[in-house]
Amino acid sequence: MEKKQTRRESRETAFLTAFAATFEPETPLVPAETESAASDAFATQLLAAMNDHAAELDEIITAHLKGWTLARVPRVSLVALRLGLAEMLYGEEQKTGVAINEAVELVKKYGADNDYQFVNGLLGAVARERGEQPVAEAAQPQC
């Protein structure tokens, strides 16, 4: 019997699937079904939200970039931002603080040294604009 993934593992599966898809520009943003994500309902739901709202997510990100273009954002950070926003805006639970924290943790693990601060700041700004207060833990960098 296959072990059920934790939410964190599901997010990581969704992140890695979406990240891999960025290397295939001819295909949709994220494949509809992948072997690793197909067995996990939460990862599949996150990927579907990213796909279904890809243009809107990119518009939100672009609106918060100061002096940058979307093409200039590091690929790891961009995928984490898209995934975090998809979870914040379209996830079943819509737990903003959790979505921000998990996106930050993914960037800490897979991104450059200080990229997590950029991701945290942008997602926090979106949350505040929506009238939500990001969880204090997500707002403070962890060493």
N, C-alpha and C. Protein backbone atom coordinates (compact mmCIF):
# COMPACT_ATOMS: atom_id res chain seq x y z
N MET A 1 0.84 -1.18 0.00
CA MET A 1 0.00 0.00 0.00
C MET A 1 0.89 1.25 0.00
N GLU A 2 0.51 2.20 -0.84
CA GLU A 2 1.30 3.41 -0.98
C GLU A 2 1.01 4.39 0.15
N LYS A 3 2.07 4.96 0.71
CA LYS A 3 1.93 5.92 1.81
C LYS A 3 1.34 7.22 1.27
N LYS A 4 0.35 7.74 1.97
CA LYS A 4 -0.26 9.01 1.58
C LYS A 4 0.72 10.15 1.89
N GLN A 5 0.84 11.08 0.96
CA GLN A 5 1.75 12.20 1.14
C GLN A 5 1.17 13.22 2.11
N THR A 6 2.06 13.89 2.84
CA THR A 6 1.64 15.01 3.67
C THR A 6 1.35 16.18 2.74
N ARG A 7 0.71 17.22 3.26
CA ARG A 7 0.44 18.42 2.46
C ARG A 7 1.75 19.02 1.96
N ARG A 8 2.77 19.06 2.81
CA ARG A 8 4.07 19.61 2.41
C ARG A 8 4.66 18.79 1.25
N GLU A 9 4.59 17.48 1.36
CA GLU A 9 5.10 16.62 0.28
C GLU A 9 4.30 16.81 -1.00
N SER A 10 3.00 16.99 -0.85
CA SER A 10 2.14 17.24 -2.02
C SER A 10 2.50 18.55 -2.70
N ARG A 11 2.75 19.57 -1.91
CA ARG A 11 3.15 20.87 -2.48
C ARG A 11 4.48 20.73 -3.21
N GLU A 12 5.40 19.98 -2.61
CA GLU A 12 6.70 19.79 -3.25
C GLU A 12 6.55 19.01 -4.56
N THR A 13 5.69 18.01 -4.56
CA THR A 13 5.42 17.25 -5.78
C THR A 13 4.85 18.18 -6.86
N ALA A 14 3.88 19.01 -6.48
CA ALA A 14 3.29 19.95 -7.43
C ALA A 14 4.35 20.94 -7.92
N PHE A 15 5.17 21.43 -7.02
CA PHE A 15 6.23 22.38 -7.38
C PHE A 15 7.20 21.76 -8.39
N LEU A 16 7.68 20.56 -8.08
CA LEU A 16 8.66 19.91 -8.97
C LEU A 16 8.05 19.60 -10.33
N THR A 17 6.79 19.21 -10.34
CA THR A 17 6.10 18.94 -11.60
C THR A 17 5.97 20.21 -12.43
N ALA A 18 5.55 21.30 -11.78
CA ALA A 18 5.40 22.58 -12.48
C ALA A 18 6.75 23.12 -12.93
N PHE A 19 7.76 22.96 -12.09
CA PHE A 19 9.10 23.43 -12.45
C PHE A 19 9.61 22.69 -13.68
N ALA A 20 9.46 21.38 -13.69
CA ALA A 20 9.90 20.57 -14.84
C ALA A 20 9.17 20.99 -16.11
N ALA A 21 7.90 21.34 -15.98
CA ALA A 21 7.11 21.75 -17.14
C ALA A 21 7.60 23.06 -17.75
N THR A 22 8.30 23.88 -16.98
CA THR A 22 8.79 25.15 -17.52
C THR A 22 9.89 24.96 -18.56
N PHE A 23 10.43 23.76 -18.64
CA PHE A 23 11.48 23.47 -19.62
C PHE A 23 10.90 22.97 -20.94
N GLU A 24 9.58 22.85 -21.01
CA GLU A 24 8.89 22.40 -22.21
C GLU A 24 7.95 23.50 -22.68
N PRO A 25 8.45 24.54 -23.36
CA PRO A 25 7.61 25.69 -23.70
C PRO A 25 6.45 25.37 -24.64
N GLU A 26 6.52 24.29 -25.39
CA GLU A 26 5.46 23.95 -26.33
C GLU A 26 4.26 23.32 -25.63
N THR A 27 4.46 22.83 -24.43
CA THR A 27 3.38 22.15 -23.73
C THR A 27 2.65 23.12 -22.80
N PRO A 28 1.47 22.72 -22.30
CA PRO A 28 0.79 23.59 -21.34
C PRO A 28 1.68 23.85 -20.13
N LEU A 29 1.31 24.86 -19.34
CA LEU A 29 2.09 25.24 -18.16
C LEU A 29 2.45 24.02 -17.32
N VAL A 30 1.48 23.18 -17.06
CA VAL A 30 1.69 21.98 -16.27
C VAL A 30 0.92 20.85 -16.93
N PRO A 31 1.54 19.69 -17.12
CA PRO A 31 0.81 18.57 -17.70
C PRO A 31 -0.42 18.23 -16.85
N ALA A 32 -1.49 17.83 -17.52
CA ALA A 32 -2.73 17.51 -16.81
C ALA A 32 -2.54 16.35 -15.84
N GLU A 33 -1.84 15.34 -16.24
CA GLU A 33 -1.60 14.18 -15.38
C GLU A 33 -0.12 13.81 -15.44
N THR A 34 0.47 13.60 -14.31
CA THR A 34 1.83 13.10 -14.26
C THR A 34 1.84 11.93 -13.30
N GLU A 35 2.79 11.07 -13.47
CA GLU A 35 2.85 9.88 -12.61
C GLU A 35 2.97 10.24 -11.14
N SER A 36 3.81 11.23 -10.83
CA SER A 36 4.02 11.58 -9.42
C SER A 36 2.84 12.34 -8.83
N ALA A 37 2.22 13.20 -9.61
CA ALA A 37 1.13 14.02 -9.08
C ALA A 37 -0.23 13.33 -9.19
N ALA A 38 -0.37 12.40 -10.13
CA ALA A 38 -1.68 11.78 -10.35
C ALA A 38 -2.17 11.02 -9.13
N SER A 39 -1.26 10.47 -8.35
CA SER A 39 -1.66 9.67 -7.20
C SER A 39 -1.96 10.54 -5.98
N ASP A 40 -1.79 11.83 -6.09
CA ASP A 40 -2.00 12.71 -4.95
C ASP A 40 -3.03 13.79 -5.31
N ALA A 41 -4.18 13.73 -4.67
CA ALA A 41 -5.28 14.64 -5.00
C ALA A 41 -4.93 16.10 -4.73
N PHE A 42 -4.23 16.38 -3.64
CA PHE A 42 -3.90 17.76 -3.31
C PHE A 42 -2.94 18.35 -4.33
N ALA A 43 -1.91 17.60 -4.71
CA ALA A 43 -0.97 18.08 -5.72
C ALA A 43 -1.69 18.31 -7.04
N THR A 44 -2.58 17.40 -7.41
CA THR A 44 -3.34 17.54 -8.65
C THR A 44 -4.21 18.78 -8.61
N GLN A 45 -4.83 19.05 -7.46
CA GLN A 45 -5.69 20.24 -7.31
C GLN A 45 -4.87 21.51 -7.45
N LEU A 46 -3.68 21.55 -6.85
CA LEU A 46 -2.82 22.73 -6.98
C LEU A 46 -2.37 22.95 -8.42
N LEU A 47 -2.00 21.88 -9.09
CA LEU A 47 -1.57 21.99 -10.48
C LEU A 47 -2.72 22.45 -11.38
N ALA A 48 -3.91 21.94 -11.11
CA ALA A 48 -5.08 22.35 -11.90
C ALA A 48 -5.37 23.83 -11.69
N ALA A 49 -5.28 24.29 -10.46
CA ALA A 49 -5.51 25.72 -10.17
C ALA A 49 -4.48 26.58 -10.88
N MET A 50 -3.23 26.14 -10.89
CA MET A 50 -2.18 26.88 -11.60
C MET A 50 -2.48 26.94 -13.09
N ASN A 51 -2.88 25.82 -13.66
CA ASN A 51 -3.20 25.76 -15.10
C ASN A 51 -4.40 26.62 -15.44
N ASP A 52 -5.46 26.45 -14.69
CA ASP A 52 -6.73 27.12 -14.99
C ASP A 52 -6.63 28.64 -14.86
N HIS A 53 -5.75 29.12 -14.02
CA HIS A 53 -5.65 30.55 -13.74
C HIS A 53 -4.26 31.11 -14.05
N ALA A 54 -3.54 30.47 -14.96
CA ALA A 54 -2.15 30.84 -15.25
C ALA A 54 -2.01 32.31 -15.65
N ALA A 55 -2.84 32.79 -16.54
CA ALA A 55 -2.73 34.18 -17.00
C ALA A 55 -3.01 35.15 -15.86
N GLU A 56 -4.02 34.86 -15.06
CA GLU A 56 -4.36 35.73 -13.94
C GLU A 56 -3.24 35.76 -12.90
N LEU A 57 -2.68 34.59 -12.60
CA LEU A 57 -1.58 34.52 -11.63
C LEU A 57 -0.39 35.35 -12.11
N ASP A 58 -0.06 35.22 -13.39
CA ASP A 58 1.07 35.99 -13.94
C ASP A 58 0.77 37.49 -13.92
N GLU A 59 -0.48 37.88 -14.13
CA GLU A 59 -0.85 39.30 -14.06
C GLU A 59 -0.66 39.83 -12.64
N ILE A 60 -1.05 39.05 -11.66
CA ILE A 60 -0.88 39.46 -10.25
C ILE A 60 0.60 39.62 -9.92
N ILE A 61 1.39 38.65 -10.34
CA ILE A 61 2.83 38.72 -10.08
C ILE A 61 3.43 39.95 -10.78
N THR A 62 3.09 40.13 -12.04
CA THR A 62 3.62 41.26 -12.81
C THR A 62 3.25 42.59 -12.17
N ALA A 63 2.04 42.69 -11.67
CA ALA A 63 1.58 43.94 -11.04
C ALA A 63 2.39 44.29 -9.79
N HIS A 64 3.04 43.30 -9.19
CA HIS A 64 3.80 43.53 -7.96
C HIS A 64 5.32 43.60 -8.20
N LEU A 65 5.73 43.52 -9.43
CA LEU A 65 7.15 43.63 -9.74
C LEU A 65 7.50 45.09 -9.93
N LYS A 66 8.48 45.55 -9.23
CA LYS A 66 8.91 46.95 -9.33
C LYS A 66 10.24 46.99 -10.08
N GLY A 67 10.19 47.48 -11.32
CA GLY A 67 11.40 47.59 -12.12
C GLY A 67 11.87 46.26 -12.69
N TRP A 68 11.03 45.25 -12.63
CA TRP A 68 11.37 43.93 -13.15
C TRP A 68 10.32 43.49 -14.15
N THR A 69 10.67 42.52 -14.96
CA THR A 69 9.70 41.87 -15.83
C THR A 69 9.55 40.43 -15.35
N LEU A 70 8.49 39.81 -15.78
CA LEU A 70 8.24 38.41 -15.40
C LEU A 70 9.37 37.51 -15.87
N ALA A 71 9.92 37.81 -17.04
CA ALA A 71 11.00 37.00 -17.60
C ALA A 71 12.27 37.07 -16.76
N ARG A 72 12.40 38.11 -15.96
CA ARG A 72 13.61 38.30 -15.15
C ARG A 72 13.54 37.58 -13.80
N VAL A 73 12.37 37.17 -13.39
CA VAL A 73 12.19 36.48 -12.11
C VAL A 73 12.80 35.08 -12.23
N PRO A 74 13.62 34.67 -11.27
CA PRO A 74 14.20 33.32 -11.33
C PRO A 74 13.11 32.25 -11.43
N ARG A 75 13.38 31.25 -12.22
CA ARG A 75 12.39 30.20 -12.51
C ARG A 75 11.85 29.54 -11.24
N VAL A 76 12.71 29.23 -10.29
CA VAL A 76 12.27 28.61 -9.03
C VAL A 76 11.31 29.54 -8.30
N SER A 77 11.65 30.81 -8.22
CA SER A 77 10.80 31.78 -7.53
C SER A 77 9.47 31.94 -8.25
N LEU A 78 9.50 31.98 -9.57
CA LEU A 78 8.28 32.17 -10.34
C LEU A 78 7.32 30.99 -10.14
N VAL A 79 7.84 29.80 -10.17
CA VAL A 79 6.98 28.62 -9.96
C VAL A 79 6.43 28.62 -8.54
N ALA A 80 7.26 28.96 -7.56
CA ALA A 80 6.78 29.02 -6.17
C ALA A 80 5.72 30.10 -6.00
N LEU A 81 5.90 31.25 -6.65
CA LEU A 81 4.90 32.32 -6.59
C LEU A 81 3.58 31.86 -7.20
N ARG A 82 3.65 31.24 -8.37
CA ARG A 82 2.43 30.76 -9.03
C ARG A 82 1.71 29.74 -8.16
N LEU A 83 2.47 28.82 -7.60
CA LEU A 83 1.87 27.78 -6.76
C LEU A 83 1.28 28.38 -5.49
N GLY A 84 2.03 29.27 -4.84
CA GLY A 84 1.53 29.90 -3.62
C GLY A 84 0.28 30.71 -3.87
N LEU A 85 0.27 31.50 -4.95
CA LEU A 85 -0.92 32.28 -5.28
C LEU A 85 -2.11 31.38 -5.62
N ALA A 86 -1.84 30.31 -6.36
CA ALA A 86 -2.93 29.38 -6.70
C ALA A 86 -3.55 28.80 -5.44
N GLU A 87 -2.72 28.45 -4.48
CA GLU A 87 -3.24 27.91 -3.22
C GLU A 87 -3.96 28.99 -2.42
N MET A 88 -3.41 30.19 -2.37
CA MET A 88 -4.03 31.29 -1.62
C MET A 88 -5.39 31.66 -2.20
N LEU A 89 -5.47 31.74 -3.52
CA LEU A 89 -6.67 32.26 -4.16
C LEU A 89 -7.69 31.19 -4.53
N TYR A 90 -7.24 29.99 -4.87
CA TYR A 90 -8.14 28.98 -5.40
C TYR A 90 -8.11 27.65 -4.66
N GLY A 91 -7.26 27.55 -3.66
CA GLY A 91 -7.18 26.31 -2.89
C GLY A 91 -8.45 26.11 -2.06
N GLU A 92 -8.73 24.88 -1.76
CA GLU A 92 -9.93 24.56 -0.97
C GLU A 92 -9.88 25.19 0.42
N GLU A 93 -8.72 25.17 1.03
CA GLU A 93 -8.60 25.66 2.40
C GLU A 93 -8.36 27.16 2.48
N GLN A 94 -7.69 27.72 1.49
CA GLN A 94 -7.34 29.14 1.43
C GLN A 94 -6.73 29.64 2.74
N LYS A 95 -5.73 28.93 3.19
CA LYS A 95 -4.97 29.33 4.38
C LYS A 95 -3.76 30.12 3.89
N THR A 96 -3.91 31.42 3.88
CA THR A 96 -2.91 32.31 3.31
C THR A 96 -1.53 32.14 3.96
N GLY A 97 -1.49 32.15 5.28
CA GLY A 97 -0.20 32.04 5.97
C GLY A 97 0.51 30.74 5.65
N VAL A 98 -0.24 29.66 5.56
CA VAL A 98 0.35 28.36 5.24
C VAL A 98 0.89 28.38 3.81
N ALA A 99 0.10 28.91 2.88
CA ALA A 99 0.53 28.96 1.47
C ALA A 99 1.81 29.77 1.32
N ILE A 100 1.88 30.91 2.01
CA ILE A 100 3.08 31.75 1.94
C ILE A 100 4.27 31.02 2.54
N ASN A 101 4.10 30.46 3.72
CA ASN A 101 5.20 29.76 4.38
C ASN A 101 5.72 28.60 3.54
N GLU A 102 4.81 27.84 2.96
CA GLU A 102 5.24 26.69 2.15
C GLU A 102 5.97 27.13 0.88
N ALA A 103 5.51 28.21 0.25
CA ALA A 103 6.20 28.73 -0.94
C ALA A 103 7.61 29.19 -0.56
N VAL A 104 7.72 29.87 0.58
CA VAL A 104 9.02 30.33 1.07
C VAL A 104 9.94 29.14 1.33
N GLU A 105 9.42 28.10 1.95
CA GLU A 105 10.24 26.92 2.25
C GLU A 105 10.72 26.23 0.97
N LEU A 106 9.88 26.19 -0.05
CA LEU A 106 10.29 25.59 -1.33
C LEU A 106 11.42 26.39 -1.97
N VAL A 107 11.34 27.71 -1.90
CA VAL A 107 12.39 28.54 -2.48
C VAL A 107 13.67 28.44 -1.65
N LYS A 108 13.55 28.32 -0.34
CA LYS A 108 14.75 28.11 0.48
C LYS A 108 15.45 26.81 0.09
N LYS A 109 14.67 25.80 -0.21
CA LYS A 109 15.23 24.49 -0.53
C LYS A 109 15.81 24.45 -1.95
N TYR A 110 15.12 25.06 -2.92
CA TYR A 110 15.50 24.90 -4.32
C TYR A 110 16.05 26.17 -4.99
N GLY A 111 15.88 27.32 -4.37
CA GLY A 111 16.29 28.57 -5.00
C GLY A 111 17.63 29.08 -4.53
N ALA A 112 17.96 30.26 -4.98
CA ALA A 112 19.20 30.93 -4.55
C ALA A 112 19.04 31.41 -3.11
N ASP A 113 20.16 31.80 -2.51
CA ASP A 113 20.21 32.11 -1.08
C ASP A 113 19.11 33.01 -0.55
N ASN A 114 18.90 34.16 -1.16
CA ASN A 114 17.95 35.13 -0.60
C ASN A 114 16.68 35.29 -1.42
N ASP A 115 16.43 34.41 -2.37
CA ASP A 115 15.23 34.51 -3.20
C ASP A 115 13.95 34.36 -2.37
N TYR A 116 14.04 33.64 -1.27
CA TYR A 116 12.84 33.42 -0.45
C TYR A 116 12.28 34.74 0.09
N GLN A 117 13.15 35.73 0.30
CA GLN A 117 12.69 37.03 0.80
C GLN A 117 11.80 37.73 -0.22
N PHE A 118 12.18 37.64 -1.49
CA PHE A 118 11.38 38.20 -2.57
C PHE A 118 10.01 37.53 -2.64
N VAL A 119 10.00 36.21 -2.58
CA VAL A 119 8.75 35.45 -2.64
C VAL A 119 7.87 35.80 -1.45
N ASN A 120 8.45 35.83 -0.27
CA ASN A 120 7.71 36.17 0.95
C ASN A 120 7.11 37.57 0.84
N GLY A 121 7.88 38.53 0.37
CA GLY A 121 7.41 39.90 0.25
C GLY A 121 6.28 40.05 -0.75
N LEU A 122 6.41 39.42 -1.91
CA LEU A 122 5.37 39.55 -2.93
C LEU A 122 4.07 38.87 -2.48
N LEU A 123 4.17 37.66 -1.96
CA LEU A 123 2.96 36.97 -1.50
C LEU A 123 2.32 37.70 -0.31
N GLY A 124 3.15 38.24 0.58
CA GLY A 124 2.63 39.00 1.70
C GLY A 124 1.90 40.26 1.24
N ALA A 125 2.43 40.93 0.20
CA ALA A 125 1.77 42.12 -0.34
C ALA A 125 0.41 41.77 -0.93
N VAL A 126 0.35 40.67 -1.65
CA VAL A 126 -0.94 40.24 -2.22
C VAL A 126 -1.93 39.93 -1.11
N ALA A 127 -1.47 39.26 -0.07
CA ALA A 127 -2.35 38.93 1.06
C ALA A 127 -2.88 40.19 1.72
N ARG A 128 -2.02 41.15 1.96
CA ARG A 128 -2.44 42.40 2.59
C ARG A 128 -3.44 43.16 1.72
N GLU A 129 -3.23 43.16 0.41
CA GLU A 129 -4.17 43.81 -0.51
C GLU A 129 -5.55 43.16 -0.46
N ARG A 130 -5.57 41.88 -0.19
CA ARG A 130 -6.83 41.15 -0.10
C ARG A 130 -7.46 41.30 1.29
N GLY A 131 -6.82 42.08 2.15
CA GLY A 131 -7.36 42.29 3.49
C GLY A 131 -7.03 41.18 4.46
N GLU A 132 -6.07 40.35 4.11
CA GLU A 132 -5.66 39.25 4.98
C GLU A 132 -4.35 39.62 5.63
N GLN A 133 -4.16 39.15 6.83
CA GLN A 133 -2.91 39.39 7.53
C GLN A 133 -2.08 38.11 7.45
N PRO A 134 -0.93 38.15 6.75
CA PRO A 134 -0.08 36.96 6.70
C PRO A 134 0.32 36.55 8.13
N VAL A 135 0.45 35.27 8.33
CA VAL A 135 0.86 34.76 9.63
C VAL A 135 2.23 35.32 9.98
N ALA A 136 2.43 35.71 11.21
CA ALA A 136 3.69 36.33 11.64
C ALA A 136 4.90 35.47 11.31
N GLU A 137 4.77 34.15 11.46
CA GLU A 137 5.90 33.26 11.18
C GLU A 137 6.32 33.37 9.72
N ALA A 138 5.36 33.50 8.80
CA ALA A 138 5.67 33.56 7.38
C ALA A 138 6.37 34.87 7.03
N ALA A 139 6.10 35.91 7.79
CA ALA A 139 6.65 37.22 7.49
C ALA A 139 8.09 37.38 7.97
N GLN A 140 8.52 36.54 8.89
CA GLN A 140 9.86 36.68 9.42
C GLN A 140 10.79 35.63 8.81
N PRO A 141 11.93 36.07 8.25
CA PRO A 141 12.87 35.10 7.69
C PRO A 141 13.37 34.14 8.75
N GLN A 142 13.52 32.90 8.34
CA GLN A 142 14.04 31.87 9.26
C GLN A 142 15.44 31.51 8.81
N CYS A 143 16.32 31.32 9.75
CA CYS A 143 17.70 30.97 9.42
C CYS A 143 17.94 29.50 9.50
